[in-house]
Amino acid sequence: MKRNKWWNIFKIIWFSLVLIFFVWIWTTFQSRNIPKDTFLNSDIVSVIETDDQITFKSDTSKNKFEVIFFQGGLTDPRAYAPLCRKFAENGFTSHLIKMDRRLPQYNYQKISNLFDLKQGNYIIGGHSQGGKMAAQFVYENPDLMKGLFLMGTSHPRDIDLSSQNIPCIKLYAENDGLASVEEVMTNKNKLPKDTKLVLIKGGNHSQFGYLGKLLMDRSSDISLDEQQQQTLDNLINFMSKIKKGS
């Protein structure tokens, strides 16, 4: 009887610890510390939310270039809303795509039904698994996109984009525990020709979004605001060059 009692106690403790662990993991994938005005309309940005996307429409100019952003795997898409809003504030209407089950690999192709990609001027990109699937979309649909940006991902790893003539930028972080500098360098020959590689010194994987510190990620040596600002500055510069060269 005593043995059964202790065994039952052990099981309760074990399952409690497992539950706590998974709850903690899940909370790190939720958005946090998002600026209060992120989803508010202003004189220069209109926010429109549907089941498939959150659009930050730029009212600052008649810029015909738009951004399609893929969220990271399992992450709350809203974690990337501040960055997408900043794109719009700089003249680039941005579409933050909501993925089923928060997994971009399952329905990344739905953007073909959401937008007239052949007629528009779209720049596509994303973070982590979202970056992987943005690269996959470009691989499967050459000549549709005007530019590709990748954030915190070791991909393209399983496909080769080196023959594609598309402007591309890849941002990677020095302390990224999920897409290490070594992995990024290993696969750089699969990127489009003339891809610009940008190292965020002191940054990590999680701070490419407004997230908790993800499992296996390393600690950052710079603040969230600093990493977000460096990311924004590099991407706006990249997009502006595409616009200027069109």
Foldseek 3Di string as FASTA:
>chain_A
DVVVVVVVVVVVVVVVVVVVVVVVQLQQLEFDPDDPCLQPDDPAWHWDDDPWWIKTAGPPDPQQEAEEEQEAASHDLCQCSVLQNVCSVLPHIYIRTQDVNSQCVPPVVCVVVVDVLQPGAYEYAYEENRRCVSVVVCVVPPPSYQAYEYEAYLDPPVAACQVGDHAYEYEHEPQEQPCHPVSNVVCVNRHYPPYHYHYDYQDYRSLCTNGHQHPRTGHGPDDSVVVSVVVSVVVSVSVVVSSVVD
